[in-house]
Amino acid sequence: MTLNFASDHPAFAGHFPGKPMVPGVLLLDAALHAAQAGSSRGPGAAWRCQIGSAKFLSPVLPGETLVISCTPTKGGHVRFDISGQGRQVATGTFTFESSP
């Protein structure tokens, strides 16, 4: 999945004036949607999610094209990796449970 946050995205107004960068919560949200879309249950299924880990390794600037990949692990988790411009910008794991 590819992703790009346009320079006029409202999040840049507060992160940070004069030196905008993509907030980590937007990266996590995009990774979560990518993981759900790649699930066998499909993106419309109800999910409960726990973030097992999340590391932000490099700032993401406005207009930068990102690639998100998600890989299921043996322990029932989903590992996500986000890269852009030849570098890894974030990585982590999610654990999903079906909602009742």
N, C-alpha and C. Protein backbone atom coordinates (compact mmCIF):
# COMPACT_ATOMS: atom_id res chain seq x y z
N MET A 1 0.85 -1.17 0.00
CA MET A 1 0.00 0.00 0.00
C MET A 1 0.90 1.24 0.00
N THR A 2 0.58 2.20 -0.82
CA THR A 2 1.33 3.46 -0.82
C THR A 2 0.47 4.55 -0.19
N LEU A 3 1.15 5.56 0.31
CA LEU A 3 0.49 6.61 1.08
C LEU A 3 1.26 7.91 0.90
N ASN A 4 0.53 9.01 0.90
CA ASN A 4 1.15 10.32 0.77
C ASN A 4 0.30 11.32 1.52
N PHE A 5 0.90 12.10 2.39
CA PHE A 5 0.19 13.16 3.11
C PHE A 5 0.51 14.48 2.42
N ALA A 6 -0.49 15.06 1.77
CA ALA A 6 -0.30 16.32 1.04
C ALA A 6 0.11 17.44 1.99
N SER A 7 0.83 18.40 1.47
CA SER A 7 1.35 19.48 2.32
C SER A 7 0.25 20.33 2.94
N ASP A 8 -0.98 20.24 2.42
CA ASP A 8 -2.08 21.01 3.01
C ASP A 8 -2.90 20.19 4.01
N HIS A 9 -2.41 19.01 4.41
CA HIS A 9 -3.12 18.19 5.41
C HIS A 9 -3.23 18.99 6.71
N PRO A 10 -4.41 18.99 7.35
CA PRO A 10 -4.61 19.81 8.55
C PRO A 10 -3.68 19.47 9.72
N ALA A 11 -3.15 18.26 9.77
CA ALA A 11 -2.27 17.87 10.88
C ALA A 11 -0.98 18.68 10.89
N PHE A 12 -0.57 19.19 9.74
CA PHE A 12 0.70 19.92 9.68
C PHE A 12 0.64 21.28 10.36
N ALA A 13 -0.56 21.79 10.59
CA ALA A 13 -0.70 23.09 11.27
C ALA A 13 -0.13 23.03 12.70
N GLY A 14 -0.25 21.87 13.34
CA GLY A 14 0.23 21.76 14.72
C GLY A 14 1.47 20.91 14.87
N HIS A 15 1.94 20.29 13.81
CA HIS A 15 3.10 19.39 13.88
C HIS A 15 4.11 19.76 12.81
N PHE A 16 4.92 20.51 12.90
CA PHE A 16 5.14 21.56 13.87
C PHE A 16 5.27 22.85 13.09
N PRO A 17 4.74 23.96 13.59
CA PRO A 17 4.77 25.22 12.84
C PRO A 17 6.21 25.55 12.38
N GLY A 18 6.33 25.78 11.08
CA GLY A 18 7.63 26.12 10.52
C GLY A 18 8.48 24.92 10.14
N LYS A 19 8.18 23.75 10.69
CA LYS A 19 8.94 22.52 10.39
C LYS A 19 7.97 21.34 10.41
N PRO A 20 7.04 21.28 9.45
CA PRO A 20 5.99 20.25 9.49
C PRO A 20 6.53 18.83 9.32
N MET A 21 5.92 17.90 10.06
CA MET A 21 6.17 16.48 9.90
C MET A 21 4.90 15.71 10.23
N VAL A 22 4.78 14.51 9.66
CA VAL A 22 3.60 13.68 9.85
C VAL A 22 3.57 13.16 11.30
N PRO A 23 2.47 13.38 12.03
CA PRO A 23 2.36 12.85 13.38
C PRO A 23 2.33 11.31 13.37
N GLY A 24 2.92 10.71 14.38
CA GLY A 24 2.97 9.26 14.49
C GLY A 24 1.60 8.61 14.48
N VAL A 25 0.60 9.28 15.04
CA VAL A 25 -0.74 8.70 15.09
C VAL A 25 -1.30 8.49 13.68
N LEU A 26 -0.95 9.37 12.73
CA LEU A 26 -1.40 9.19 11.35
C LEU A 26 -0.71 7.99 10.71
N LEU A 27 0.55 7.78 11.04
CA LEU A 27 1.26 6.61 10.52
C LEU A 27 0.66 5.32 11.09
N LEU A 28 0.36 5.32 12.40
CA LEU A 28 -0.27 4.14 13.01
C LEU A 28 -1.63 3.85 12.40
N ASP A 29 -2.42 4.90 12.18
CA ASP A 29 -3.74 4.72 11.59
C ASP A 29 -3.64 4.13 10.18
N ALA A 30 -2.71 4.61 9.40
CA ALA A 30 -2.52 4.09 8.04
C ALA A 30 -2.07 2.63 8.08
N ALA A 31 -1.17 2.29 9.00
CA ALA A 31 -0.70 0.91 9.14
C ALA A 31 -1.84 0.00 9.58
N LEU A 32 -2.67 0.47 10.49
CA LEU A 32 -3.82 -0.30 10.96
C LEU A 32 -4.78 -0.59 9.81
N HIS A 33 -5.09 0.42 9.01
CA HIS A 33 -5.98 0.21 7.87
C HIS A 33 -5.37 -0.76 6.85
N ALA A 34 -4.08 -0.66 6.62
CA ALA A 34 -3.41 -1.58 5.70
C ALA A 34 -3.47 -3.01 6.22
N ALA A 35 -3.27 -3.19 7.52
CA ALA A 35 -3.32 -4.53 8.12
C ALA A 35 -4.73 -5.11 8.03
N GLN A 36 -5.73 -4.30 8.28
CA GLN A 36 -7.12 -4.77 8.20
C GLN A 36 -7.50 -5.10 6.76
N ALA A 37 -7.05 -4.29 5.81
CA ALA A 37 -7.38 -4.52 4.41
C ALA A 37 -6.78 -5.82 3.91
N GLY A 38 -5.63 -6.19 4.43
CA GLY A 38 -4.97 -7.42 4.01
C GLY A 38 -5.43 -8.65 4.75
N SER A 39 -6.34 -8.48 5.68
CA SER A 39 -6.84 -9.60 6.48
C SER A 39 -7.82 -10.46 5.69
N SER A 40 -7.91 -11.70 6.05
CA SER A 40 -8.86 -12.60 5.40
C SER A 40 -10.32 -12.23 5.74
N ARG A 41 -10.51 -11.50 6.83
CA ARG A 41 -11.86 -11.07 7.21
C ARG A 41 -12.29 -9.83 6.45
N GLY A 42 -11.34 -9.13 5.84
CA GLY A 42 -11.68 -7.96 5.04
C GLY A 42 -11.73 -6.69 5.84
N PRO A 43 -11.69 -5.55 5.16
CA PRO A 43 -11.63 -4.26 5.83
C PRO A 43 -12.92 -3.85 6.53
N GLY A 44 -14.04 -4.45 6.18
CA GLY A 44 -15.30 -4.07 6.81
C GLY A 44 -15.59 -4.79 8.11
N ALA A 45 -14.78 -5.77 8.48
CA ALA A 45 -15.03 -6.55 9.69
C ALA A 45 -14.76 -5.71 10.93
N ALA A 46 -15.47 -6.04 12.01
CA ALA A 46 -15.25 -5.36 13.29
C ALA A 46 -14.03 -5.97 13.97
N TRP A 47 -13.15 -5.12 14.48
CA TRP A 47 -11.90 -5.58 15.08
C TRP A 47 -11.66 -4.85 16.40
N ARG A 48 -11.00 -5.55 17.27
CA ARG A 48 -10.41 -4.94 18.46
C ARG A 48 -8.90 -5.06 18.24
N CYS A 49 -8.18 -3.99 18.46
CA CYS A 49 -6.76 -4.00 18.15
C CYS A 49 -5.94 -3.55 19.36
N GLN A 50 -4.82 -4.19 19.54
CA GLN A 50 -3.86 -3.78 20.56
C GLN A 50 -2.53 -3.52 19.85
N ILE A 51 -1.90 -2.43 20.18
CA ILE A 51 -0.58 -2.15 19.62
C ILE A 51 0.45 -2.85 20.49
N GLY A 52 1.12 -3.83 19.90
CA GLY A 52 2.14 -4.56 20.65
C GLY A 52 3.41 -3.75 20.79
N SER A 53 3.78 -3.08 19.71
CA SER A 53 4.95 -2.20 19.72
C SER A 53 4.82 -1.22 18.57
N ALA A 54 5.49 -0.10 18.71
CA ALA A 54 5.54 0.90 17.63
C ALA A 54 6.81 1.72 17.82
N LYS A 55 7.60 1.77 16.77
CA LYS A 55 8.82 2.57 16.81
C LYS A 55 8.82 3.49 15.60
N PHE A 56 9.08 4.76 15.87
CA PHE A 56 9.17 5.76 14.82
C PHE A 56 10.64 6.07 14.64
N LEU A 57 11.17 5.75 13.48
CA LEU A 57 12.61 5.76 13.27
C LEU A 57 13.13 6.98 12.52
N SER A 58 12.26 7.64 11.78
CA SER A 58 12.69 8.77 10.97
C SER A 58 11.50 9.67 10.69
N PRO A 59 11.68 10.99 10.73
CA PRO A 59 10.55 11.89 10.46
C PRO A 59 10.06 11.77 9.02
N VAL A 60 8.76 11.97 8.84
CA VAL A 60 8.15 11.96 7.52
C VAL A 60 7.69 13.38 7.21
N LEU A 61 8.12 13.88 6.07
CA LEU A 61 7.82 15.25 5.69
C LEU A 61 6.60 15.31 4.76
N PRO A 62 5.96 16.46 4.66
CA PRO A 62 4.80 16.61 3.77
C PRO A 62 5.15 16.21 2.33
N GLY A 63 4.23 15.50 1.70
CA GLY A 63 4.40 15.12 0.30
C GLY A 63 5.26 13.89 0.06
N GLU A 64 5.83 13.34 1.11
CA GLU A 64 6.69 12.17 0.95
C GLU A 64 5.85 10.92 0.68
N THR A 65 6.24 10.13 -0.31
CA THR A 65 5.52 8.90 -0.62
C THR A 65 6.05 7.78 0.27
N LEU A 66 5.10 7.09 0.91
CA LEU A 66 5.44 6.00 1.84
C LEU A 66 4.90 4.68 1.30
N VAL A 67 5.54 3.60 1.70
CA VAL A 67 5.07 2.25 1.38
C VAL A 67 4.85 1.53 2.71
N ILE A 68 3.66 0.95 2.85
CA ILE A 68 3.32 0.20 4.07
C ILE A 68 3.21 -1.26 3.70
N SER A 69 3.91 -2.11 4.45
CA SER A 69 3.76 -3.55 4.26
C SER A 69 3.37 -4.17 5.60
N CYS A 70 2.52 -5.19 5.52
CA CYS A 70 2.04 -5.88 6.71
C CYS A 70 2.25 -7.38 6.51
N THR A 71 2.76 -8.03 7.57
CA THR A 71 3.06 -9.45 7.50
C THR A 71 2.53 -10.14 8.74
N PRO A 72 1.68 -11.17 8.59
CA PRO A 72 1.24 -11.94 9.77
C PRO A 72 2.43 -12.70 10.36
N THR A 73 2.44 -12.84 11.68
CA THR A 73 3.49 -13.59 12.36
C THR A 73 2.91 -14.88 12.93
N LYS A 74 3.79 -15.77 13.33
CA LYS A 74 3.33 -17.05 13.88
C LYS A 74 2.53 -16.89 15.16
N GLY A 75 2.80 -15.84 15.93
CA GLY A 75 2.10 -15.65 17.19
C GLY A 75 0.74 -15.01 17.06
N GLY A 76 0.24 -14.84 15.84
CA GLY A 76 -1.07 -14.26 15.64
C GLY A 76 -1.06 -12.74 15.58
N HIS A 77 0.11 -12.16 15.50
CA HIS A 77 0.24 -10.71 15.40
C HIS A 77 0.41 -10.33 13.93
N VAL A 78 0.37 -9.04 13.67
CA VAL A 78 0.67 -8.52 12.35
C VAL A 78 1.79 -7.51 12.51
N ARG A 79 2.88 -7.73 11.79
CA ARG A 79 3.99 -6.79 11.81
C ARG A 79 3.78 -5.79 10.68
N PHE A 80 3.98 -4.51 10.98
CA PHE A 80 3.91 -3.50 9.93
C PHE A 80 5.26 -2.80 9.80
N ASP A 81 5.58 -2.43 8.59
CA ASP A 81 6.78 -1.67 8.27
C ASP A 81 6.39 -0.55 7.33
N ILE A 82 6.85 0.64 7.61
CA ILE A 82 6.59 1.80 6.77
C ILE A 82 7.94 2.34 6.32
N SER A 83 8.08 2.51 5.01
CA SER A 83 9.33 3.04 4.48
C SER A 83 9.04 4.16 3.50
N GLY A 84 10.03 4.99 3.31
CA GLY A 84 9.91 6.09 2.36
C GLY A 84 11.28 6.64 2.01
N GLN A 85 11.48 6.96 0.76
CA GLN A 85 12.72 7.57 0.31
C GLN A 85 13.95 6.72 0.68
N GLY A 86 13.79 5.39 0.56
CA GLY A 86 14.91 4.49 0.79
C GLY A 86 15.27 4.26 2.24
N ARG A 87 14.39 4.61 3.17
CA ARG A 87 14.67 4.39 4.59
C ARG A 87 13.42 3.91 5.31
N GLN A 88 13.62 3.20 6.40
CA GLN A 88 12.50 2.75 7.22
C GLN A 88 12.11 3.89 8.14
N VAL A 89 10.81 4.21 8.20
CA VAL A 89 10.37 5.32 9.04
C VAL A 89 9.61 4.85 10.28
N ALA A 90 8.99 3.66 10.22
CA ALA A 90 8.26 3.16 11.38
C ALA A 90 8.10 1.64 11.25
N THR A 91 7.97 0.99 12.40
CA THR A 91 7.75 -0.45 12.44
C THR A 91 7.02 -0.78 13.74
N GLY A 92 6.37 -1.93 13.76
CA GLY A 92 5.68 -2.34 14.97
C GLY A 92 4.81 -3.56 14.74
N THR A 93 4.00 -3.87 15.76
CA THR A 93 3.09 -5.01 15.67
C THR A 93 1.72 -4.64 16.22
N PHE A 94 0.71 -5.27 15.63
CA PHE A 94 -0.67 -5.20 16.10
C PHE A 94 -1.13 -6.60 16.47
N THR A 95 -2.05 -6.69 17.43
CA THR A 95 -2.75 -7.92 17.73
C THR A 95 -4.23 -7.64 17.53
N PHE A 96 -4.91 -8.48 16.77
CA PHE A 96 -6.32 -8.29 16.48
C PHE A 96 -7.16 -9.36 17.12
N GLU A 97 -8.34 -8.95 17.55
CA GLU A 97 -9.38 -9.88 17.99
C GLU A 97 -10.66 -9.44 17.32
N SER A 98 -11.51 -10.38 16.95
CA SER A 98 -12.81 -10.03 16.41
C SER A 98 -13.66 -9.42 17.52
N SER A 99 -14.38 -8.37 17.20
CA SER A 99 -15.28 -7.77 18.18
C SER A 99 -16.56 -8.58 18.25
N PRO A 100 -17.14 -8.65 19.42
CA PRO A 100 -18.40 -9.40 19.56
C PRO A 100 -19.55 -8.75 18.81
